[in-house]
Amino acid sequence: MAIIKCPECGHQVSDKAPVCPNCGVEIADKVTKCPDCGEVYFSADSMCPHCYRPTTKKTEPAPVVEQTPPSPIPPQPKEKPKFSSDPIQVPKKKKNSWVAYLVSFVIALLICGVCFYMYKNAQDNKEMQEYEFAMKSKDVLVLQSYLDTYKDAPAEHRDSISAHLEQIIQIDKDWTNAVVSNSKSILQDYMRKYPNSPHRAEAARKIDSLDWAQASSLNTIEAYKAYMTEHENGDHYDEAESSMKALKVKEITPEERAQIAQVFRRFFISINERDQASLVSTVTEELTLLDKQQATHSDVIEMMNKMYEKEGLTNLIWRLNKDYSISKREIGNDQYEFSVSFTGNKEEQYADPEHNKNSQYRMEAKVAPDGRISELKMNKIIE
């Protein structure tokens, strides 16, 4: 088996192939190769079309027939030629010769028709394959190549390809406009309009980038939460989570502020009411109290009692100014320690009202993750 060029269309084909897949002409046992120039041509041709070498056709040797010598013919007496006045009779052609020509012509037409049918069928099959491929493609070059190659294709095929091509061109045009706009809403409109667009994934990444830029600009916990909710698989999800965690360390939430204010309010109300149980419930087991480290609940009670040891003191009233300055640091996984600074007023009431007095104090304190006071220092503000 060898690969040759089809004598009809020049397409490469096996010399054993029944027909050429491109033009449909018969190949196997119908072509020959010129021994002089190597040109491949139809065996039925009388000579090579390239070098004009006569086609050598194999002939069977004629069978040898033994001839017997003819029997002797006795001599005949010569007769004088006879002359006749009748016209010379010319032999007539056989009447059925024209029938043979007609039959040959009809057969030739049939052969040509079959060859043309096979060629046309091969071309139609190829066009159909290219049409189906182009309809599935989103490449402008593929679609335009079909229109340029198959100008005689069925009108419905060319119309479908043309419509498909126009749609892809419009999609690309709208995509360019959406990208240039740098607008989230326009990109979302594009995705809704073209759900199967080849640019859909790119549009989603572009929206992800725009949302992240906005969250970074706002730099708030709420902004990062919104980004993470909308983009669970976003390119910046981990970064948003890290940024939000960093903000949680710095930002004091309203709930945290209320919890801190409540614990100090309970602490000083307990002193006003001399309620030992309530007082120790607001502090940790060990704490830094005034200048003493590792103070216990007993030390806290002792501090309260010393406040009431002044002679003639009948009542003690602490009032806080609620001017809290709060910061926090992470000491464990989502565990925070709060540093608090605020001022308060101590009113001392005596049996002799002339001895009544008010004093201003600045408190420096720390609150443990469990919401109890772990450190408290009080400094009198001298006016």
Protein backbone atom coordinates (compact mmCIF):
# COMPACT_ATOMS: atom_id res chain seq x y z
CA MET A 1 0.00 0.00 0.00
CA ALA A 2 1.33 3.46 -0.88
CA ILE A 3 0.12 7.04 -0.56
CA ILE A 4 -0.42 8.70 -3.94
CA LYS A 5 -1.97 11.89 -5.27
CA CYS A 6 -5.45 11.55 -6.67
CA PRO A 7 -5.21 12.04 -10.48
CA GLU A 8 -8.50 13.95 -10.31
CA CYS A 9 -8.06 16.45 -7.42
CA GLY A 10 -4.47 15.96 -6.20
CA HIS A 11 -5.63 14.95 -2.67
CA GLN A 12 -3.35 12.42 -0.96
CA VAL A 13 -4.97 8.98 -0.80
CA SER A 14 -3.99 5.32 -0.44
CA ASP A 15 -3.59 3.44 -3.74
CA LYS A 16 -5.79 0.73 -2.20
CA ALA A 17 -8.66 3.10 -1.34
CA PRO A 18 -11.89 2.33 -3.24
CA VAL A 19 -12.51 6.01 -3.93
CA CYS A 20 -10.85 9.35 -3.18
CA PRO A 21 -12.41 10.75 0.07
CA ASN A 22 -12.14 14.26 -1.34
CA CYS A 23 -13.57 14.02 -4.85
CA GLY A 24 -15.08 10.51 -4.90
CA VAL A 25 -13.27 9.20 -7.99
CA GLU A 26 -12.38 5.48 -8.06
CA ILE A 27 -8.77 4.71 -7.10
CA ALA A 28 -8.11 0.99 -6.41
CA ASP A 29 -7.13 -0.89 -9.63
CA LYS A 30 -8.02 2.24 -11.65
CA VAL A 31 -4.72 4.13 -11.55
CA THR A 32 -1.17 3.40 -12.67
CA LYS A 33 2.22 4.97 -12.14
CA CYS A 34 4.42 6.02 -15.07
CA PRO A 35 7.74 4.12 -14.91
CA ASP A 36 9.56 7.05 -16.55
CA CYS A 37 8.45 10.17 -14.66
CA GLY A 38 6.49 8.66 -11.72
CA GLU A 39 3.23 10.47 -12.54
CA VAL A 40 0.07 8.73 -11.26
CA TYR A 41 -2.80 8.67 -13.77
CA PHE A 42 -5.81 6.63 -14.73
CA SER A 43 -5.03 3.23 -16.22
CA ALA A 44 -7.62 3.80 -18.93
CA ASP A 45 -5.56 6.69 -20.40
CA SER A 46 -3.52 5.71 -23.45
CA MET A 47 -0.44 7.64 -22.35
CA CYS A 48 1.11 9.45 -19.38
CA PRO A 49 -0.29 13.04 -19.25
CA HIS A 50 3.09 14.33 -18.04
CA CYS A 51 5.75 12.70 -20.27
CA TYR A 52 3.40 11.17 -22.90
CA ARG A 53 4.84 7.71 -22.56
CA PRO A 54 2.38 5.14 -24.03
CA THR A 55 0.59 3.08 -21.45
CA THR A 56 1.85 -0.49 -21.55
CA LYS A 57 -1.05 -2.90 -21.42
CA LYS A 58 -0.57 -6.54 -20.68
CA THR A 59 -1.81 -8.92 -23.37
CA GLU A 60 -2.33 -12.61 -23.15
CA PRO A 61 -0.28 -14.65 -25.65
CA ALA A 62 -2.40 -16.07 -28.42
CA PRO A 63 -2.94 -19.81 -28.11
CA VAL A 64 -0.93 -21.93 -30.53
CA VAL A 65 -3.21 -23.78 -32.94
CA GLU A 66 -1.84 -26.64 -34.95
CA GLN A 67 -2.61 -26.13 -38.60
CA THR A 68 -3.25 -29.02 -40.91
CA PRO A 69 -2.09 -28.70 -44.48
CA PRO A 70 -4.92 -27.86 -46.84
CA SER A 71 -6.18 -30.56 -49.04
CA PRO A 72 -5.20 -30.10 -52.66
CA ILE A 73 -7.78 -28.39 -54.76
CA PRO A 74 -8.12 -29.73 -58.24
CA PRO A 75 -7.48 -27.16 -60.93
CA GLN A 76 -10.56 -25.55 -62.36
CA PRO A 77 -10.86 -24.56 -65.92
CA LYS A 78 -10.55 -20.87 -66.45
CA GLU A 79 -13.72 -19.19 -67.37
CA LYS A 80 -14.02 -16.06 -69.30
CA PRO A 81 -15.33 -13.16 -67.32
CA LYS A 82 -18.91 -12.47 -67.76
CA PHE A 83 -20.10 -8.97 -68.18
CA SER A 84 -23.48 -7.97 -66.87
CA SER A 85 -25.50 -4.88 -67.20
CA ASP A 86 -26.70 -5.15 -63.54
CA PRO A 87 -25.32 -2.48 -61.10
CA ILE A 88 -22.63 -3.47 -58.62
CA GLN A 89 -24.14 -4.44 -55.25
CA VAL A 90 -22.43 -2.54 -52.34
CA PRO A 91 -22.66 -4.41 -49.03
CA LYS A 92 -24.93 -2.66 -46.57
CA LYS A 93 -23.87 -1.83 -42.98
CA LYS A 94 -25.48 -3.77 -40.28
CA LYS A 95 -28.59 -2.13 -38.97
CA ASN A 96 -27.77 -2.74 -35.30
CA SER A 97 -24.46 -0.76 -35.24
CA TRP A 98 -26.18 2.46 -34.14
CA VAL A 99 -27.82 0.57 -31.27
CA ALA A 100 -24.40 -0.38 -29.93
CA TYR A 101 -23.31 3.25 -30.05
CA LEU A 102 -26.42 4.35 -28.21
CA VAL A 103 -25.96 1.73 -25.51
CA SER A 104 -22.32 2.76 -25.07
CA PHE A 105 -23.36 6.40 -24.76
CA VAL A 106 -26.02 5.59 -22.17
CA ILE A 107 -23.55 3.53 -20.14
CA ALA A 108 -21.03 6.37 -20.28
CA LEU A 109 -23.69 8.78 -19.04
CA LEU A 110 -24.57 6.44 -16.20
CA ILE A 111 -20.94 6.11 -15.19
CA CYS A 112 -20.51 9.87 -15.23
CA GLY A 113 -23.70 10.29 -13.23
CA VAL A 114 -22.56 7.80 -10.59
CA CYS A 115 -19.16 9.47 -10.33
CA PHE A 116 -20.74 12.90 -10.05
CA TYR A 117 -23.16 11.62 -7.41
CA MET A 118 -20.33 10.13 -5.35
CA TYR A 119 -18.29 13.33 -5.67
CA LYS A 120 -21.27 15.53 -4.77
CA ASN A 121 -22.16 13.29 -1.84
CA ALA A 122 -18.59 13.45 -0.51
CA GLN A 123 -18.61 17.25 -0.81
CA ASP A 124 -21.99 17.51 0.92
CA ASN A 125 -20.81 15.30 3.78
CA LYS A 126 -17.71 17.41 4.25
CA GLU A 127 -19.75 20.62 4.21
CA MET A 128 -22.13 19.19 6.81
CA GLN A 129 -19.24 18.24 9.09
CA GLU A 130 -17.73 21.72 8.78
CA TYR A 131 -21.13 23.30 9.40
CA GLU A 132 -21.74 21.32 12.59
CA PHE A 133 -18.22 22.12 13.83
CA ALA A 134 -18.64 25.85 13.13
CA MET A 135 -22.02 26.01 14.91
CA LYS A 136 -20.40 24.62 18.07
CA SER A 137 -17.45 26.98 17.85
CA LYS A 138 -17.19 30.42 19.46
CA ASP A 139 -14.18 31.39 17.36
CA VAL A 140 -14.83 34.19 14.88
CA LEU A 141 -12.11 32.90 12.54
CA VAL A 142 -13.69 29.43 12.32
CA LEU A 143 -17.08 30.85 11.39
CA GLN A 144 -15.69 33.27 8.83
CA SER A 145 -13.61 30.47 7.28
CA TYR A 146 -16.77 28.42 6.71
CA LEU A 147 -18.50 31.31 4.96
CA ASP A 148 -15.46 31.94 2.76
CA THR A 149 -14.99 28.26 1.86
CA TYR A 150 -18.58 27.10 1.32
CA LYS A 151 -20.15 29.91 -0.68
CA ASP A 152 -22.47 27.40 -2.40
CA ALA A 153 -23.62 25.80 0.87
CA PRO A 154 -27.37 25.58 1.58
CA ALA A 155 -28.85 28.98 2.34
CA GLU A 156 -30.12 27.86 5.76
CA HIS A 157 -26.58 26.80 6.71
CA ARG A 158 -25.02 30.09 5.67
CA ASP A 159 -27.79 32.05 7.40
CA SER A 160 -27.28 30.13 10.65
CA ILE A 161 -23.51 30.61 10.55
CA SER A 162 -23.90 34.32 9.77
CA ALA A 163 -26.33 34.80 12.67
CA HIS A 164 -24.01 32.87 14.98
CA LEU A 165 -21.07 35.00 13.86
CA GLU A 166 -22.95 38.25 14.44
CA GLN A 167 -23.96 37.12 17.93
CA ILE A 168 -20.36 36.33 18.90
CA ILE A 169 -19.15 39.66 17.54
CA GLN A 170 -21.87 41.44 19.57
CA ILE A 171 -20.93 39.46 22.70
CA ASP A 172 -17.29 40.49 22.30
CA LYS A 173 -18.29 44.11 21.73
CA ASP A 174 -20.50 44.17 24.85
CA TRP A 175 -17.72 42.50 26.83
CA THR A 176 -15.24 45.19 25.81
CA ASN A 177 -17.69 47.90 26.87
CA ALA A 178 -18.31 46.18 30.21
CA VAL A 179 -14.60 45.86 30.98
CA VAL A 180 -13.87 49.46 30.04
CA SER A 181 -16.74 50.68 32.23
CA ASN A 182 -15.15 49.11 35.34
CA SER A 183 -18.67 48.97 36.79
CA LYS A 184 -19.99 46.07 38.84
CA SER A 185 -23.60 46.65 37.76
CA ILE A 186 -22.68 46.69 34.04
CA LEU A 187 -20.64 43.51 34.43
CA GLN A 188 -23.58 41.85 36.22
CA ASP A 189 -25.92 42.94 33.41
CA TYR A 190 -23.52 41.39 30.89
CA MET A 191 -23.51 38.08 32.77
CA ARG A 192 -27.32 38.04 32.94
CA LYS A 193 -27.60 38.84 29.23
CA TYR A 194 -24.99 36.27 28.16
CA PRO A 195 -25.08 33.39 30.69
CA ASN A 196 -23.07 31.14 28.35
CA SER A 197 -20.51 33.74 27.32
CA PRO A 198 -16.87 32.57 27.13
CA HIS A 199 -16.07 35.70 29.19
CA ARG A 200 -18.35 34.73 32.10
CA ALA A 201 -15.54 33.49 34.36
CA GLU A 202 -13.45 36.56 33.60
CA ALA A 203 -16.43 38.82 34.39
CA ALA A 204 -16.91 37.06 37.75
CA ARG A 205 -13.24 37.61 38.63
CA LYS A 206 -13.54 41.26 37.64
CA ILE A 207 -16.54 41.71 39.96
CA ASP A 208 -14.63 39.93 42.72
CA SER A 209 -11.76 42.38 42.26
CA LEU A 210 -14.08 45.41 42.35
CA ASP A 211 -15.81 44.22 45.54
CA TRP A 212 -12.47 43.57 47.21
CA ALA A 213 -11.22 47.05 46.29
CA GLN A 214 -14.33 48.55 47.90
CA ALA A 215 -14.00 46.44 51.07
CA SER A 216 -10.32 47.37 51.39
CA SER A 217 -11.16 51.03 50.95
CA LEU A 218 -13.83 50.97 53.68
CA ASN A 219 -11.63 48.79 55.92
CA THR A 220 -14.44 47.86 58.31
CA ILE A 221 -15.54 44.56 59.74
CA GLU A 222 -18.92 44.95 58.07
CA ALA A 223 -17.32 45.57 54.65
CA TYR A 224 -15.11 42.47 54.92
CA LYS A 225 -18.07 40.37 56.08
CA ALA A 226 -20.10 41.53 53.08
CA TYR A 227 -17.28 40.58 50.70
CA MET A 228 -16.85 37.13 52.28
CA THR A 229 -20.60 36.47 52.14
CA GLU A 230 -20.87 37.35 48.45
CA HIS A 231 -17.60 35.71 47.40
CA GLU A 232 -17.24 32.46 49.32
CA ASN A 233 -14.66 31.26 46.78
CA GLY A 234 -13.28 34.72 46.04
CA ASP A 235 -9.64 35.37 45.23
CA HIS A 236 -9.34 37.59 48.32
CA TYR A 237 -11.38 35.55 50.81
CA ASP A 238 -8.43 34.63 53.03
CA GLU A 239 -7.12 38.18 52.91
CA ALA A 240 -10.52 39.54 53.91
CA GLU A 241 -10.71 37.09 56.81
CA SER A 242 -7.27 38.13 58.02
CA SER A 243 -8.07 41.84 57.72
CA MET A 244 -11.34 41.40 59.58
CA LYS A 245 -9.56 39.53 62.37
CA ALA A 246 -7.02 42.33 62.68
CA LEU A 247 -9.82 44.88 62.95
CA LYS A 248 -11.54 42.85 65.64
CA VAL A 249 -8.43 43.25 67.79
CA LYS A 250 -8.54 47.01 67.41
CA GLU A 251 -12.26 47.74 67.21
CA ILE A 252 -14.36 47.77 70.34
CA THR A 253 -17.86 46.60 69.57
CA PRO A 254 -20.89 48.17 71.27
CA GLU A 255 -21.46 44.87 73.08
CA GLU A 256 -17.91 44.86 74.44
CA ARG A 257 -18.16 48.48 75.54
CA ALA A 258 -21.45 47.80 77.35
CA GLN A 259 -19.98 44.72 79.09
CA ILE A 260 -16.96 46.69 80.34
CA ALA A 261 -19.10 49.57 81.62
CA GLN A 262 -21.36 47.12 83.43
CA VAL A 263 -18.57 45.33 85.32
CA PHE A 264 -17.12 48.60 86.69
CA ARG A 265 -20.57 49.89 87.57
CA ARG A 266 -21.25 46.72 89.58
CA PHE A 267 -17.84 46.95 91.25
CA PHE A 268 -18.36 50.47 92.58
CA ILE A 269 -22.06 49.98 93.42
CA SER A 270 -20.97 46.98 95.51
CA ILE A 271 -18.59 49.31 97.40
CA ASN A 272 -21.38 51.87 97.89
CA GLU A 273 -23.62 49.12 99.30
CA ARG A 274 -20.78 47.29 101.12
CA ASP A 275 -21.90 44.08 99.38
CA GLN A 276 -18.93 41.75 99.67
CA ALA A 277 -20.39 38.88 97.58
CA SER A 278 -21.31 41.14 94.70
CA LEU A 279 -17.94 42.86 94.91
CA VAL A 280 -15.79 39.73 94.60
CA SER A 281 -17.95 38.43 91.74
CA THR A 282 -16.67 41.28 89.57
CA VAL A 283 -12.96 40.39 89.89
CA THR A 284 -10.75 37.42 88.93
CA GLU A 285 -9.42 34.94 91.53
CA GLU A 286 -6.10 36.75 91.47
CA LEU A 287 -5.59 40.31 90.31
CA THR A 288 -3.39 43.36 90.60
CA LEU A 289 -5.15 45.64 93.06
CA LEU A 290 -3.74 49.12 93.64
CA ASP A 291 -0.05 48.40 94.25
CA LYS A 292 -0.43 44.76 95.22
CA GLN A 293 0.06 41.95 92.74
CA GLN A 294 -1.61 38.54 93.04
CA ALA A 295 -4.24 40.04 95.31
CA THR A 296 -7.11 37.78 96.41
CA HIS A 297 -10.79 38.29 97.08
CA SER A 298 -9.90 38.95 100.73
CA ASP A 299 -7.66 41.81 99.65
CA VAL A 300 -10.52 43.31 97.66
CA ILE A 301 -12.85 43.16 100.67
CA GLU A 302 -10.13 44.65 102.89
CA MET A 303 -9.70 47.55 100.46
CA MET A 304 -13.44 48.29 100.63
CA ASN A 305 -13.48 48.18 104.43
CA LYS A 306 -10.55 50.60 104.68
CA MET A 307 -12.56 53.14 102.69
CA TYR A 308 -15.11 53.21 105.53
CA GLU A 309 -12.60 53.47 108.45
CA LYS A 310 -12.51 57.26 108.48
CA GLU A 311 -13.89 58.75 111.69
CA GLY A 312 -17.39 60.19 111.39
CA LEU A 313 -17.91 58.75 107.87
CA THR A 314 -21.52 57.67 107.46
CA ASN A 315 -21.81 57.03 103.76
CA LEU A 316 -19.68 56.61 100.64
CA ILE A 317 -20.93 57.18 97.13
CA TRP A 318 -18.92 56.39 93.96
CA ARG A 319 -20.13 57.85 90.65
CA LEU A 320 -18.45 57.00 87.33
CA ASN A 321 -18.14 59.53 84.51
CA LYS A 322 -18.50 56.92 81.72
CA ASP A 323 -15.57 58.45 79.82
CA TYR A 324 -14.14 55.06 78.99
CA SER A 325 -11.05 54.75 76.82
CA ILE A 326 -10.75 51.11 75.78
CA SER A 327 -8.21 49.08 73.83
CA LYS A 328 -7.75 45.36 73.50
CA ARG A 329 -5.27 42.70 72.53
CA GLU A 330 -5.67 39.09 71.54
CA ILE A 331 -4.27 36.63 74.09
CA GLY A 332 -5.77 33.48 72.57
CA ASN A 333 -7.97 32.28 69.75
CA ASP A 334 -10.75 34.91 69.79
CA GLN A 335 -9.78 35.66 73.41
CA TYR A 336 -9.22 39.35 74.18
CA GLU A 337 -7.91 41.32 77.16
CA PHE A 338 -9.21 44.90 77.51
CA SER A 339 -7.25 47.86 78.88
CA VAL A 340 -9.58 50.53 80.29
CA SER A 341 -9.05 54.09 81.46
CA PHE A 342 -11.82 56.25 83.00
CA THR A 343 -12.56 58.75 85.78
CA GLY A 344 -14.88 58.66 88.75
CA ASN A 345 -16.05 60.80 91.65
CA LYS A 346 -15.98 59.72 95.31
CA GLU A 347 -18.39 61.53 97.64
CA GLU A 348 -17.73 61.14 101.37
CA GLN A 349 -20.66 61.95 103.69
CA TYR A 350 -19.99 62.57 107.40
CA ALA A 351 -22.14 63.00 110.47
CA ASP A 352 -21.01 66.59 110.43
CA PRO A 353 -21.99 67.81 106.96
CA GLU A 354 -19.20 70.37 107.11
CA HIS A 355 -16.73 67.53 106.65
CA ASN A 356 -18.40 66.23 103.46
CA LYS A 357 -16.08 66.24 100.44
CA ASN A 358 -15.74 65.09 96.85
CA SER A 359 -12.65 63.68 95.24
CA GLN A 360 -11.83 62.91 91.59
CA TYR A 361 -9.98 59.71 90.65
CA ARG A 362 -8.49 58.29 87.46
CA MET A 363 -8.81 54.55 87.15
CA GLU A 364 -6.47 52.34 85.10
CA ALA A 365 -7.77 48.80 84.79
CA LYS A 366 -7.76 45.58 82.81
CA VAL A 367 -10.63 43.23 82.10
CA ALA A 368 -10.02 39.53 81.41
CA PRO A 369 -11.68 37.63 78.51
CA ASP A 370 -14.30 36.30 80.97
CA GLY A 371 -15.48 39.87 81.64
CA ARG A 372 -14.05 40.23 85.16
CA ILE A 373 -11.57 42.82 86.45
CA SER A 374 -7.98 41.51 86.53
CA GLU A 375 -6.21 44.77 87.41
CA LEU A 376 -7.29 48.03 89.06
CA LYS A 377 -5.32 51.11 90.01
CA MET A 378 -6.86 54.34 91.34
CA ASN A 379 -5.00 57.68 91.36
CA LYS A 380 -6.48 60.77 92.99
CA ILE A 381 -6.66 63.79 90.72
CA ILE A 382 -5.32 66.84 92.55
CA GLU A 383 -7.16 70.00 91.61
